[in-house]
Amino acid sequence: MPQNAMDNPLVLPMLGLLAESPRHQYALLTELRARYAVLRAKTSTVYTLVRTLARHGLVTLDEAADTAERQEVRLTQAGLDELRRRVEAHLLDGDPNADPKFMIALAYLGALAPARAVELLRERARNLRADLRSVTDVLDRPDLRELHMIEAHFLASRLRHDAAWLTRLADRIETGDLEWPTPDQ
């Protein structure tokens, strides 16, 4: 578990869910478990993180509620800004195979302005293509047998696919083919 609660992998999806709509703490916990089972959200962790997010000014709590389960949690502007910051960071740096950060960042791509999302997706695709060039430089060596470098062939295939997929997604956003939320959604 992270030493700093704000480094907890649940923070991004919690902010994202609250950007979709305010929720009571129990509803937030339930939706986290439904959408992100891989994160294994525990009741005590989610309730503690809600308090931490509130202390950092990222959410507000309905203090008039008689129990924690009934407290509605709302995202603040600072919380929305933090969501956007994390989405941007994880889109560029998250590894979809090592942890869920990249995938969760994709889930909340709509929190960004379309032009910024396109910019980040294209940058990630460029980085993947640069990685692909490095891998193929090795694969082009005539002294290496394919079987001895089979993992590099797999990686090259994955990098090629991921770069193409991200480029198509950016194209769809630019052309308006992918429906984008309005600022009040």
N, C-alpha and C. Protein backbone atom coordinates (compact mmCIF):
# COMPACT_ATOMS: atom_id res chain seq x y z
N MET A 1 0.85 -1.18 0.00
CA MET A 1 0.00 0.00 0.00
C MET A 1 0.89 1.24 0.00
N PRO A 2 0.51 2.28 -0.75
CA PRO A 2 1.33 3.48 -0.82
C PRO A 2 1.45 4.17 0.54
N GLN A 3 2.60 4.80 0.79
CA GLN A 3 2.81 5.55 2.03
C GLN A 3 1.92 6.79 2.05
N ASN A 4 1.77 7.45 0.91
CA ASN A 4 0.94 8.64 0.80
C ASN A 4 -0.41 8.21 0.23
N ALA A 5 -1.47 8.51 0.94
CA ALA A 5 -2.81 8.10 0.51
C ALA A 5 -3.15 8.64 -0.88
N MET A 6 -2.63 9.80 -1.24
CA MET A 6 -2.92 10.37 -2.55
C MET A 6 -2.27 9.58 -3.69
N ASP A 7 -1.35 8.67 -3.36
CA ASP A 7 -0.73 7.80 -4.37
C ASP A 7 -1.52 6.50 -4.56
N ASN A 8 -2.58 6.31 -3.82
CA ASN A 8 -3.37 5.10 -3.91
C ASN A 8 -3.99 5.00 -5.31
N PRO A 9 -3.92 3.84 -5.95
CA PRO A 9 -4.47 3.71 -7.31
C PRO A 9 -5.99 3.91 -7.38
N LEU A 10 -6.68 3.95 -6.25
CA LEU A 10 -8.12 4.19 -6.26
C LEU A 10 -8.47 5.67 -6.45
N VAL A 11 -7.51 6.56 -6.23
CA VAL A 11 -7.81 8.00 -6.28
C VAL A 11 -8.33 8.40 -7.67
N LEU A 12 -7.64 8.00 -8.73
CA LEU A 12 -8.08 8.38 -10.08
C LEU A 12 -9.49 7.89 -10.39
N PRO A 13 -9.81 6.61 -10.21
CA PRO A 13 -11.18 6.21 -10.52
C PRO A 13 -12.21 6.83 -9.59
N MET A 14 -11.85 7.12 -8.35
CA MET A 14 -12.81 7.79 -7.46
C MET A 14 -13.12 9.18 -7.98
N LEU A 15 -12.09 9.92 -8.34
CA LEU A 15 -12.32 11.26 -8.90
C LEU A 15 -13.12 11.16 -10.20
N GLY A 16 -12.80 10.17 -11.02
CA GLY A 16 -13.52 10.00 -12.28
C GLY A 16 -15.00 9.69 -12.08
N LEU A 17 -15.29 8.80 -11.15
CA LEU A 17 -16.69 8.48 -10.88
C LEU A 17 -17.44 9.69 -10.34
N LEU A 18 -16.77 10.46 -9.51
CA LEU A 18 -17.43 11.66 -8.96
C LEU A 18 -17.58 12.75 -10.02
N ALA A 19 -16.73 12.74 -11.05
CA ALA A 19 -16.91 13.68 -12.15
C ALA A 19 -18.15 13.32 -12.95
N GLU A 20 -18.47 12.02 -13.00
CA GLU A 20 -19.69 11.59 -13.69
C GLU A 20 -20.93 12.07 -12.94
N SER A 21 -20.90 11.91 -11.62
CA SER A 21 -22.03 12.38 -10.81
C SER A 21 -21.66 12.28 -9.33
N PRO A 22 -22.25 13.16 -8.50
CA PRO A 22 -22.03 13.02 -7.05
C PRO A 22 -22.60 11.67 -6.61
N ARG A 23 -22.03 11.11 -5.56
CA ARG A 23 -22.47 9.81 -5.07
C ARG A 23 -22.35 9.76 -3.55
N HIS A 24 -23.19 8.96 -2.96
CA HIS A 24 -22.99 8.65 -1.55
C HIS A 24 -21.78 7.73 -1.46
N GLN A 25 -21.14 7.72 -0.29
CA GLN A 25 -19.90 6.95 -0.15
C GLN A 25 -20.11 5.47 -0.47
N TYR A 26 -21.21 4.91 -0.02
CA TYR A 26 -21.45 3.49 -0.28
C TYR A 26 -21.65 3.25 -1.79
N ALA A 27 -22.35 4.16 -2.45
CA ALA A 27 -22.55 4.03 -3.91
C ALA A 27 -21.22 4.16 -4.64
N LEU A 28 -20.35 5.01 -4.14
CA LEU A 28 -19.02 5.15 -4.72
C LEU A 28 -18.25 3.84 -4.58
N LEU A 29 -18.28 3.26 -3.40
CA LEU A 29 -17.62 1.98 -3.15
C LEU A 29 -18.18 0.88 -4.07
N THR A 30 -19.49 0.81 -4.17
CA THR A 30 -20.15 -0.20 -4.99
C THR A 30 -19.75 -0.07 -6.46
N GLU A 31 -19.72 1.16 -6.97
CA GLU A 31 -19.37 1.38 -8.37
C GLU A 31 -17.89 1.09 -8.63
N LEU A 32 -17.04 1.44 -7.68
CA LEU A 32 -15.61 1.10 -7.81
C LEU A 32 -15.43 -0.41 -7.93
N ARG A 33 -16.13 -1.14 -7.08
CA ARG A 33 -16.02 -2.61 -7.11
C ARG A 33 -16.57 -3.18 -8.41
N ALA A 34 -17.64 -2.57 -8.93
CA ALA A 34 -18.26 -3.08 -10.16
C ALA A 34 -17.37 -2.82 -11.37
N ARG A 35 -16.81 -1.62 -11.47
CA ARG A 35 -16.05 -1.25 -12.67
C ARG A 35 -14.58 -1.64 -12.59
N TYR A 36 -14.04 -1.66 -11.39
CA TYR A 36 -12.59 -1.85 -11.24
C TYR A 36 -12.30 -2.94 -10.23
N ALA A 37 -12.81 -4.12 -10.49
CA ALA A 37 -12.62 -5.25 -9.57
C ALA A 37 -11.15 -5.54 -9.34
N VAL A 38 -10.33 -5.29 -10.35
CA VAL A 38 -8.90 -5.56 -10.24
C VAL A 38 -8.25 -4.72 -9.14
N LEU A 39 -8.85 -3.60 -8.77
CA LEU A 39 -8.29 -2.74 -7.74
C LEU A 39 -8.65 -3.19 -6.32
N ARG A 40 -9.60 -4.08 -6.20
CA ARG A 40 -10.00 -4.66 -4.91
C ARG A 40 -10.27 -3.59 -3.85
N ALA A 41 -11.22 -2.73 -4.13
CA ALA A 41 -11.56 -1.63 -3.23
C ALA A 41 -12.16 -2.16 -1.93
N LYS A 42 -11.55 -1.79 -0.82
CA LYS A 42 -12.06 -2.17 0.50
C LYS A 42 -12.84 -1.01 1.09
N THR A 43 -13.87 -1.34 1.84
CA THR A 43 -14.73 -0.32 2.44
C THR A 43 -13.92 0.70 3.22
N SER A 44 -13.09 0.23 4.12
CA SER A 44 -12.34 1.16 4.97
C SER A 44 -11.40 2.04 4.15
N THR A 45 -10.80 1.48 3.11
CA THR A 45 -9.89 2.25 2.27
C THR A 45 -10.64 3.35 1.53
N VAL A 46 -11.77 3.01 0.95
CA VAL A 46 -12.54 4.02 0.21
C VAL A 46 -13.03 5.12 1.14
N TYR A 47 -13.56 4.77 2.30
CA TYR A 47 -14.05 5.78 3.23
C TYR A 47 -12.91 6.67 3.72
N THR A 48 -11.75 6.07 3.97
CA THR A 48 -10.59 6.85 4.40
C THR A 48 -10.13 7.78 3.28
N LEU A 49 -10.11 7.26 2.04
CA LEU A 49 -9.69 8.09 0.91
C LEU A 49 -10.66 9.24 0.67
N VAL A 50 -11.94 9.03 0.87
CA VAL A 50 -12.91 10.12 0.73
C VAL A 50 -12.55 11.24 1.69
N ARG A 51 -12.23 10.90 2.93
CA ARG A 51 -11.83 11.91 3.92
C ARG A 51 -10.52 12.60 3.50
N THR A 52 -9.60 11.83 2.98
CA THR A 52 -8.33 12.40 2.51
C THR A 52 -8.57 13.36 1.35
N LEU A 53 -9.40 12.95 0.40
CA LEU A 53 -9.73 13.82 -0.73
C LEU A 53 -10.40 15.10 -0.25
N ALA A 54 -11.24 14.98 0.76
CA ALA A 54 -11.90 16.16 1.33
C ALA A 54 -10.87 17.09 1.98
N ARG A 55 -9.93 16.51 2.74
CA ARG A 55 -8.88 17.33 3.38
C ARG A 55 -8.04 18.07 2.35
N HIS A 56 -7.85 17.46 1.19
CA HIS A 56 -7.08 18.09 0.13
C HIS A 56 -7.93 19.04 -0.72
N GLY A 57 -9.21 19.17 -0.40
CA GLY A 57 -10.08 20.08 -1.12
C GLY A 57 -10.53 19.58 -2.47
N LEU A 58 -10.41 18.27 -2.70
CA LEU A 58 -10.78 17.71 -4.00
C LEU A 58 -12.24 17.29 -4.06
N VAL A 59 -12.83 17.05 -2.90
CA VAL A 59 -14.25 16.71 -2.80
C VAL A 59 -14.83 17.43 -1.60
N THR A 60 -16.16 17.55 -1.62
CA THR A 60 -16.88 18.04 -0.44
C THR A 60 -17.82 16.94 0.01
N LEU A 61 -18.10 16.94 1.31
CA LEU A 61 -19.00 15.97 1.90
C LEU A 61 -20.21 16.68 2.47
N ASP A 62 -21.35 16.05 2.34
CA ASP A 62 -22.57 16.58 2.93
C ASP A 62 -22.53 16.26 4.43
N GLU A 63 -22.09 17.23 5.21
CA GLU A 63 -21.92 17.00 6.65
C GLU A 63 -23.26 16.90 7.39
N ALA A 64 -24.34 17.28 6.74
CA ALA A 64 -25.66 17.21 7.38
C ALA A 64 -26.20 15.78 7.44
N ALA A 65 -25.62 14.88 6.67
CA ALA A 65 -26.08 13.49 6.65
C ALA A 65 -25.82 12.84 8.00
N ASP A 66 -26.71 11.93 8.40
CA ASP A 66 -26.58 11.32 9.73
C ASP A 66 -25.58 10.17 9.79
N THR A 67 -25.20 9.59 8.65
CA THR A 67 -24.19 8.53 8.65
C THR A 67 -23.26 8.74 7.47
N ALA A 68 -22.08 8.13 7.55
CA ALA A 68 -21.11 8.26 6.45
C ALA A 68 -21.68 7.71 5.15
N GLU A 69 -22.46 6.63 5.24
CA GLU A 69 -23.03 6.03 4.03
C GLU A 69 -23.97 7.00 3.32
N ARG A 70 -24.59 7.89 4.07
CA ARG A 70 -25.55 8.82 3.48
C ARG A 70 -24.93 10.14 3.04
N GLN A 71 -23.66 10.32 3.34
CA GLN A 71 -23.00 11.56 2.95
C GLN A 71 -22.77 11.57 1.45
N GLU A 72 -23.31 12.56 0.79
CA GLU A 72 -23.07 12.69 -0.64
C GLU A 72 -21.69 13.32 -0.83
N VAL A 73 -20.94 12.76 -1.74
CA VAL A 73 -19.59 13.24 -2.03
C VAL A 73 -19.66 13.94 -3.39
N ARG A 74 -19.15 15.17 -3.43
CA ARG A 74 -19.16 15.96 -4.67
C ARG A 74 -17.74 16.36 -5.03
N LEU A 75 -17.45 16.33 -6.30
CA LEU A 75 -16.16 16.76 -6.81
C LEU A 75 -16.09 18.28 -6.80
N THR A 76 -14.99 18.85 -6.36
CA THR A 76 -14.77 20.30 -6.43
C THR A 76 -14.05 20.62 -7.73
N GLN A 77 -13.90 21.90 -8.01
CA GLN A 77 -13.12 22.30 -9.19
C GLN A 77 -11.68 21.82 -9.05
N ALA A 78 -11.13 21.90 -7.84
CA ALA A 78 -9.77 21.40 -7.61
C ALA A 78 -9.71 19.89 -7.88
N GLY A 79 -10.78 19.18 -7.53
CA GLY A 79 -10.85 17.75 -7.80
C GLY A 79 -10.89 17.45 -9.28
N LEU A 80 -11.64 18.25 -10.03
CA LEU A 80 -11.71 18.08 -11.48
C LEU A 80 -10.35 18.38 -12.11
N ASP A 81 -9.69 19.42 -11.61
CA ASP A 81 -8.35 19.74 -12.11
C ASP A 81 -7.38 18.59 -11.82
N GLU A 82 -7.47 18.00 -10.63
CA GLU A 82 -6.60 16.89 -10.27
C GLU A 82 -6.90 15.66 -11.13
N LEU A 83 -8.19 15.41 -11.40
CA LEU A 83 -8.57 14.32 -12.29
C LEU A 83 -7.91 14.51 -13.64
N ARG A 84 -8.02 15.71 -14.19
CA ARG A 84 -7.43 15.98 -15.50
C ARG A 84 -5.91 15.81 -15.47
N ARG A 85 -5.27 16.28 -14.41
CA ARG A 85 -3.82 16.15 -14.29
C ARG A 85 -3.41 14.69 -14.29
N ARG A 86 -4.14 13.88 -13.53
CA ARG A 86 -3.81 12.45 -13.44
C ARG A 86 -4.08 11.73 -14.76
N VAL A 87 -5.18 12.07 -15.42
CA VAL A 87 -5.48 11.44 -16.71
C VAL A 87 -4.35 11.74 -17.69
N GLU A 88 -3.92 13.00 -17.75
CA GLU A 88 -2.83 13.36 -18.65
C GLU A 88 -1.56 12.59 -18.32
N ALA A 89 -1.20 12.56 -17.06
CA ALA A 89 0.04 11.88 -16.66
C ALA A 89 -0.01 10.39 -16.99
N HIS A 90 -1.13 9.75 -16.70
CA HIS A 90 -1.22 8.30 -16.91
C HIS A 90 -1.36 7.93 -18.38
N LEU A 91 -1.93 8.84 -19.18
CA LEU A 91 -2.00 8.58 -20.62
C LEU A 91 -0.60 8.55 -21.23
N LEU A 92 0.25 9.40 -20.73
CA LEU A 92 1.60 9.48 -21.28
C LEU A 92 2.54 8.43 -20.69
N ASP A 93 2.37 8.12 -19.41
CA ASP A 93 3.37 7.30 -18.72
C ASP A 93 2.87 5.94 -18.24
N GLY A 94 1.57 5.75 -18.16
CA GLY A 94 1.05 4.49 -17.63
C GLY A 94 1.33 3.32 -18.57
N ASP A 95 1.63 2.18 -18.00
CA ASP A 95 1.88 0.97 -18.77
C ASP A 95 0.64 0.08 -18.67
N PRO A 96 -0.07 -0.13 -19.79
CA PRO A 96 -1.31 -0.91 -19.73
C PRO A 96 -1.10 -2.35 -19.29
N ASN A 97 0.14 -2.82 -19.32
CA ASN A 97 0.40 -4.20 -18.91
C ASN A 97 0.93 -4.33 -17.50
N ALA A 98 1.38 -3.25 -16.90
CA ALA A 98 1.98 -3.32 -15.57
C ALA A 98 1.02 -2.92 -14.47
N ASP A 99 0.15 -1.99 -14.74
CA ASP A 99 -0.83 -1.55 -13.75
C ASP A 99 -2.03 -0.95 -14.48
N PRO A 100 -3.12 -0.73 -13.78
CA PRO A 100 -4.34 -0.26 -14.46
C PRO A 100 -4.39 1.25 -14.72
N LYS A 101 -3.35 2.00 -14.39
CA LYS A 101 -3.42 3.46 -14.50
C LYS A 101 -3.74 3.93 -15.92
N PHE A 102 -3.08 3.35 -16.91
CA PHE A 102 -3.33 3.78 -18.29
C PHE A 102 -4.77 3.51 -18.69
N MET A 103 -5.26 2.33 -18.37
CA MET A 103 -6.63 1.96 -18.74
C MET A 103 -7.65 2.87 -18.05
N ILE A 104 -7.41 3.18 -16.78
CA ILE A 104 -8.33 4.06 -16.06
C ILE A 104 -8.25 5.47 -16.63
N ALA A 105 -7.05 5.91 -17.01
CA ALA A 105 -6.93 7.22 -17.64
C ALA A 105 -7.73 7.26 -18.94
N LEU A 106 -7.68 6.18 -19.72
CA LEU A 106 -8.50 6.13 -20.94
C LEU A 106 -9.99 6.24 -20.61
N ALA A 107 -10.39 5.62 -19.51
CA ALA A 107 -11.80 5.64 -19.11
C ALA A 107 -12.29 7.06 -18.87
N TYR A 108 -11.40 7.94 -18.46
CA TYR A 108 -11.78 9.32 -18.15
C TYR A 108 -11.18 10.33 -19.12
N LEU A 109 -10.90 9.88 -20.33
CA LEU A 109 -10.38 10.74 -21.38
C LEU A 109 -11.32 11.92 -21.62
N GLY A 110 -12.61 11.71 -21.47
CA GLY A 110 -13.61 12.75 -21.69
C GLY A 110 -13.55 13.89 -20.70
N ALA A 111 -12.75 13.76 -19.64
CA ALA A 111 -12.57 14.87 -18.69
C ALA A 111 -11.70 15.96 -19.29
N LEU A 112 -10.97 15.61 -20.35
CA LEU A 112 -10.09 16.57 -21.00
C LEU A 112 -10.82 17.25 -22.15
N ALA A 113 -10.31 18.40 -22.54
CA ALA A 113 -10.81 19.03 -23.76
C ALA A 113 -10.42 18.13 -24.93
N PRO A 114 -11.26 18.04 -25.95
CA PRO A 114 -10.95 17.16 -27.08
C PRO A 114 -9.57 17.42 -27.69
N ALA A 115 -9.20 18.68 -27.87
CA ALA A 115 -7.91 18.99 -28.47
C ALA A 115 -6.76 18.49 -27.61
N ARG A 116 -6.89 18.60 -26.29
CA ARG A 116 -5.84 18.12 -25.39
C ARG A 116 -5.77 16.60 -25.43
N ALA A 117 -6.92 15.95 -25.47
CA ALA A 117 -6.93 14.48 -25.55
C ALA A 117 -6.23 14.02 -26.82
N VAL A 118 -6.52 14.67 -27.94
CA VAL A 118 -5.89 14.32 -29.21
C VAL A 118 -4.37 14.52 -29.11
N GLU A 119 -3.97 15.64 -28.54
CA GLU A 119 -2.54 15.93 -28.39
C GLU A 119 -1.83 14.84 -27.58
N LEU A 120 -2.41 14.45 -26.47
CA LEU A 120 -1.81 13.42 -25.62
C LEU A 120 -1.79 12.05 -26.29
N LEU A 121 -2.89 11.70 -26.96
CA LEU A 121 -2.94 10.41 -27.64
C LEU A 121 -1.91 10.34 -28.77
N ARG A 122 -1.77 11.42 -29.51
CA ARG A 122 -0.78 11.44 -30.60
C ARG A 122 0.65 11.39 -30.04
N GLU A 123 0.87 12.07 -28.91
CA GLU A 123 2.20 12.01 -28.30
C GLU A 123 2.52 10.59 -27.82
N ARG A 124 1.53 9.95 -27.21
CA ARG A 124 1.75 8.57 -26.76
C ARG A 124 2.03 7.66 -27.96
N ALA A 125 1.27 7.85 -29.04
CA ALA A 125 1.49 7.03 -30.25
C ALA A 125 2.88 7.28 -30.83
N ARG A 126 3.34 8.55 -30.83
CA ARG A 126 4.70 8.85 -31.31
C ARG A 126 5.74 8.14 -30.45
N ASN A 127 5.54 8.18 -29.14
CA ASN A 127 6.48 7.51 -28.23
C ASN A 127 6.51 6.00 -28.48
N LEU A 128 5.35 5.43 -28.73
CA LEU A 128 5.29 3.99 -29.02
C LEU A 128 6.01 3.66 -30.33
N ARG A 129 5.82 4.52 -31.33
CA ARG A 129 6.51 4.29 -32.59
C ARG A 129 8.03 4.43 -32.44
N ALA A 130 8.47 5.34 -31.57
CA ALA A 130 9.91 5.46 -31.30
C ALA A 130 10.42 4.19 -30.62
N ASP A 131 9.64 3.67 -29.67
CA ASP A 131 10.01 2.40 -29.03
C ASP A 131 10.06 1.28 -30.07
N LEU A 132 9.10 1.28 -30.98
CA LEU A 132 9.05 0.26 -32.02
C LEU A 132 10.31 0.32 -32.91
N ARG A 133 10.73 1.53 -33.25
CA ARG A 133 11.96 1.68 -34.06
C ARG A 133 13.16 1.08 -33.33
N SER A 134 13.23 1.30 -32.02
CA SER A 134 14.36 0.74 -31.24
C SER A 134 14.33 -0.78 -31.26
N VAL A 135 13.14 -1.34 -31.12
CA VAL A 135 13.00 -2.80 -31.12
C VAL A 135 13.32 -3.36 -32.50
N THR A 136 12.80 -2.74 -33.55
CA THR A 136 13.03 -3.27 -34.89
C THR A 136 14.49 -3.11 -35.33
N ASP A 137 15.18 -2.12 -34.78
CA ASP A 137 16.62 -2.00 -35.07
C ASP A 137 17.35 -3.27 -34.62
N VAL A 138 16.95 -3.79 -33.49
CA VAL A 138 17.56 -5.02 -32.99
C VAL A 138 17.09 -6.21 -33.85
N LEU A 139 15.80 -6.24 -34.16
CA LEU A 139 15.26 -7.36 -34.93
C LEU A 139 15.83 -7.43 -36.35
N ASP A 140 16.29 -6.31 -36.85
CA ASP A 140 16.86 -6.27 -38.21
C ASP A 140 18.28 -6.83 -38.28
N ARG A 141 18.85 -7.14 -37.15
CA ARG A 141 20.21 -7.70 -37.15
C ARG A 141 20.18 -9.11 -37.75
N PRO A 142 20.99 -9.36 -38.75
CA PRO A 142 20.96 -10.67 -39.41
C PRO A 142 21.54 -11.80 -38.56
N ASP A 143 22.30 -11.48 -37.53
CA ASP A 143 22.94 -12.52 -36.72
C ASP A 143 22.03 -13.06 -35.62
N LEU A 144 20.80 -12.53 -35.50
CA LEU A 144 19.88 -12.97 -34.44
C LEU A 144 18.78 -13.85 -35.03
N ARG A 145 18.63 -15.01 -34.46
CA ARG A 145 17.54 -15.90 -34.89
C ARG A 145 16.21 -15.40 -34.33
N GLU A 146 15.18 -15.62 -35.11
CA GLU A 146 13.85 -15.18 -34.69
C GLU A 146 13.47 -15.77 -33.34
N LEU A 147 13.68 -17.04 -33.15
CA LEU A 147 13.30 -17.68 -31.90
C LEU A 147 14.02 -17.08 -30.70
N HIS A 148 15.25 -16.66 -30.89
CA HIS A 148 16.01 -16.06 -29.80
C HIS A 148 15.49 -14.68 -29.43
N MET A 149 14.73 -14.10 -30.32
CA MET A 149 14.19 -12.76 -30.10
C MET A 149 12.66 -12.75 -30.17
N ILE A 150 12.05 -13.88 -29.90
CA ILE A 150 10.60 -13.99 -30.07
C ILE A 150 9.84 -12.99 -29.21
N GLU A 151 10.37 -12.71 -28.00
CA GLU A 151 9.71 -11.73 -27.13
C GLU A 151 9.77 -10.34 -27.74
N ALA A 152 10.85 -10.03 -28.46
CA ALA A 152 10.95 -8.73 -29.11
C ALA A 152 9.98 -8.64 -30.28
N HIS A 153 9.75 -9.76 -30.98
CA HIS A 153 8.75 -9.77 -32.05
C HIS A 153 7.34 -9.53 -31.47
N PHE A 154 7.07 -10.15 -30.34
CA PHE A 154 5.79 -9.92 -29.67
C PHE A 154 5.65 -8.45 -29.29
N LEU A 155 6.69 -7.89 -28.68
CA LEU A 155 6.66 -6.49 -28.26
C LEU A 155 6.47 -5.57 -29.47
N ALA A 156 7.16 -5.84 -30.56
CA ALA A 156 7.02 -5.02 -31.76
C ALA A 156 5.58 -5.05 -32.27
N SER A 157 4.98 -6.23 -32.26
CA SER A 157 3.59 -6.36 -32.70
C SER A 157 2.66 -5.54 -31.80
N ARG A 158 2.88 -5.64 -30.51
CA ARG A 158 2.04 -4.89 -29.56
C ARG A 158 2.23 -3.39 -29.72
N LEU A 159 3.46 -2.93 -29.86
CA LEU A 159 3.72 -1.50 -30.03
C LEU A 159 3.08 -0.98 -31.31
N ARG A 160 3.19 -1.75 -32.39
CA ARG A 160 2.59 -1.37 -33.67
C ARG A 160 1.06 -1.25 -33.52
N HIS A 161 0.46 -2.24 -32.89
CA HIS A 161 -0.98 -2.24 -32.68
C HIS A 161 -1.41 -1.06 -31.82
N ASP A 162 -0.75 -0.87 -30.69
CA ASP A 162 -1.15 0.19 -29.76
C ASP A 162 -1.01 1.57 -30.38
N ALA A 163 0.07 1.80 -31.11
CA ALA A 163 0.26 3.11 -31.77
C ALA A 163 -0.84 3.35 -32.80
N ALA A 164 -1.19 2.33 -33.55
CA ALA A 164 -2.24 2.48 -34.57
C ALA A 164 -3.60 2.72 -33.91
N TRP A 165 -3.88 2.00 -32.83
CA TRP A 165 -5.17 2.15 -32.14
C TRP A 165 -5.30 3.56 -31.57
N LEU A 166 -4.25 4.06 -30.92
CA LEU A 166 -4.29 5.40 -30.34
C LEU A 166 -4.42 6.47 -31.42
N THR A 167 -3.78 6.26 -32.55
CA THR A 167 -3.89 7.20 -33.66
C THR A 167 -5.31 7.22 -34.21
N ARG A 168 -5.91 6.04 -34.36
CA ARG A 168 -7.31 5.98 -34.83
C ARG A 168 -8.24 6.68 -33.84
N LEU A 169 -8.00 6.47 -32.55
CA LEU A 169 -8.83 7.13 -31.53
C LEU A 169 -8.69 8.64 -31.64
N ALA A 170 -7.48 9.14 -31.77
CA ALA A 170 -7.26 10.58 -31.92
C ALA A 170 -7.97 11.10 -33.18
N ASP A 171 -7.89 10.35 -34.27
CA ASP A 171 -8.57 10.74 -35.50
C ASP A 171 -10.08 10.84 -35.28
N ARG A 172 -10.64 9.86 -34.58
CA ARG A 172 -12.09 9.85 -34.32
C ARG A 172 -12.51 11.05 -33.48
N ILE A 173 -11.67 11.44 -32.53
CA ILE A 173 -11.99 12.61 -31.71
C ILE A 173 -11.95 13.86 -32.58
N GLU A 174 -10.90 13.98 -33.39
CA GLU A 174 -10.76 15.17 -34.26
C GLU A 174 -11.90 15.32 -35.24
N THR A 175 -12.37 14.22 -35.80
CA THR A 175 -13.43 14.30 -36.81
C THR A 175 -14.82 14.40 -36.18
N GLY A 176 -14.91 14.22 -34.87
CA GLY A 176 -16.21 14.26 -34.21
C GLY A 176 -16.94 12.93 -34.28
N ASP A 177 -16.28 11.90 -34.78
CA ASP A 177 -16.88 10.57 -34.88
C ASP A 177 -17.12 9.96 -33.50
N LEU A 178 -16.32 10.35 -32.51
CA LEU A 178 -16.49 9.87 -31.15
C LEU A 178 -17.22 10.95 -30.36
N GLU A 179 -18.40 10.63 -29.86
CA GLU A 179 -19.19 11.59 -29.11
C GLU A 179 -18.42 12.02 -27.87
N TRP A 180 -18.33 13.34 -27.68
CA TRP A 180 -17.58 13.90 -26.56
C TRP A 180 -18.56 14.56 -25.59
N PRO A 181 -18.33 14.39 -24.29
CA PRO A 181 -19.25 15.01 -23.32
C PRO A 181 -19.16 16.53 -23.36
N THR A 182 -20.27 17.17 -23.11
CA THR A 182 -20.25 18.62 -22.99
C THR A 182 -19.75 18.95 -21.58
N PRO A 183 -19.26 20.18 -21.35
CA PRO A 183 -18.67 20.51 -20.05
C PRO A 183 -19.61 20.26 -18.86
N ASP A 184 -20.91 20.29 -19.06
CA ASP A 184 -21.83 20.10 -17.93
C ASP A 184 -22.22 18.63 -17.73
N GLN A 185 -21.68 17.71 -18.52
CA GLN A 185 -22.03 16.29 -18.38
C GLN A 185 -21.13 15.62 -17.38
